[in-house]
Amino acid sequence: MFGWIWSLIVGAIIGVIAGAITNKGSSMGWIANIAAGLIGSWLGQALLGTWGPQLAGMALIPSIAGAVILVIIVSLIAGSSQK
């Protein structure tokens, strides 16, 4: 019943970790953290598979790696559009 809430919480945590790894976390709001975590989880699992520990149906290591990739790509695009 509350599986989607758990997924949002885990997605937010993955987004926060990705923001901390890339030093972009202070510029991201909580909605961006959730989006980065959920989309990054999908991206990471699509690229790297579903190995490692899992939480809320998300493989944590590939999910964090995917979120880091996503945050870097988005920050590069956002940085180049502000020039």
Protein backbone atom coordinates (compact mmCIF):
# COMPACT_ATOMS: atom_id res chain seq x y z
CA MET A 1 0.00 0.00 0.00
CA PHE A 2 2.72 2.50 0.90
CA GLY A 3 5.33 1.08 -1.47
CA TRP A 4 5.39 4.23 -3.59
CA ILE A 5 6.14 6.39 -0.53
CA TRP A 6 9.03 4.09 0.36
CA SER A 7 10.29 4.38 -3.24
CA LEU A 8 10.17 8.19 -3.02
CA ILE A 9 12.09 8.16 0.25
CA VAL A 10 14.77 5.82 -1.10
CA GLY A 11 14.91 7.88 -4.33
CA ALA A 12 15.45 11.03 -2.29
CA ILE A 13 18.26 9.40 -0.32
CA ILE A 14 19.92 8.20 -3.54
CA GLY A 15 19.59 11.75 -4.97
CA VAL A 16 21.13 13.27 -1.84
CA ILE A 17 24.05 10.83 -2.00
CA ALA A 18 24.58 11.61 -5.70
CA GLY A 19 24.47 15.35 -4.96
CA ALA A 20 27.03 14.93 -2.18
CA ILE A 21 29.36 12.89 -4.40
CA THR A 22 29.20 15.48 -7.20
CA ASN A 23 29.20 18.52 -4.86
CA LYS A 24 25.94 19.66 -6.50
CA GLY A 25 23.67 18.74 -3.61
CA SER A 26 23.39 22.25 -2.20
CA SER A 27 21.92 23.57 -5.45
CA MET A 28 19.31 20.80 -5.70
CA GLY A 29 15.96 20.97 -3.94
CA TRP A 30 14.17 17.99 -2.47
CA ILE A 31 12.05 17.45 -5.60
CA ALA A 32 15.21 17.45 -7.73
CA ASN A 33 16.81 14.98 -5.31
CA ILE A 34 13.83 12.63 -5.62
CA ALA A 35 13.82 12.96 -9.42
CA ALA A 36 17.59 12.41 -9.63
CA GLY A 37 17.29 9.37 -7.37
CA LEU A 38 14.40 7.74 -9.22
CA ILE A 39 15.59 8.52 -12.76
CA GLY A 40 19.19 7.77 -11.79
CA SER A 41 18.09 4.46 -10.31
CA TRP A 42 16.41 3.51 -13.55
CA LEU A 43 19.44 4.66 -15.58
CA GLY A 44 21.96 2.88 -13.35
CA GLN A 45 20.05 -0.38 -13.34
CA ALA A 46 19.57 -0.21 -17.11
CA LEU A 47 23.31 0.31 -17.65
CA LEU A 48 24.80 -1.76 -14.83
CA GLY A 49 22.16 -4.32 -13.88
CA THR A 50 20.57 -5.07 -10.52
CA TRP A 51 23.47 -6.43 -8.49
CA GLY A 52 24.30 -5.52 -4.92
CA PRO A 53 22.06 -4.69 -1.99
CA GLN A 54 18.51 -3.64 -2.79
CA LEU A 55 16.08 -1.36 -1.03
CA ALA A 56 12.52 -0.62 -2.20
CA GLY A 57 13.21 -2.59 -5.36
CA MET A 58 16.26 -0.48 -6.27
CA ALA A 59 19.76 -1.92 -6.48
CA LEU A 60 21.65 0.66 -4.43
CA ILE A 61 25.11 0.69 -6.02
CA PRO A 62 23.95 0.87 -9.68
CA SER A 63 21.25 3.37 -8.63
CA ILE A 64 23.75 5.70 -6.97
CA ALA A 65 26.09 5.40 -9.96
CA GLY A 66 23.22 6.21 -12.34
CA ALA A 67 22.15 9.18 -10.23
CA VAL A 68 25.73 10.51 -10.19
CA ILE A 69 25.88 10.22 -13.99
CA LEU A 70 22.52 11.97 -14.28
CA VAL A 71 23.47 14.82 -11.93
CA ILE A 72 26.74 15.39 -13.82
CA ILE A 73 24.99 15.44 -17.21
CA VAL A 74 22.23 17.78 -16.01
CA SER A 75 24.71 20.14 -14.34
CA LEU A 76 26.80 20.26 -17.52
CA ILE A 77 23.74 21.05 -19.63
CA ALA A 78 22.41 23.60 -17.14
CA GLY A 79 25.87 25.18 -16.82
CA SER A 80 26.30 25.54 -20.58
CA SER A 81 22.81 27.04 -21.02
CA GLN A 82 23.52 29.78 -18.44
CA LYS A 83 26.45 31.18 -20.44
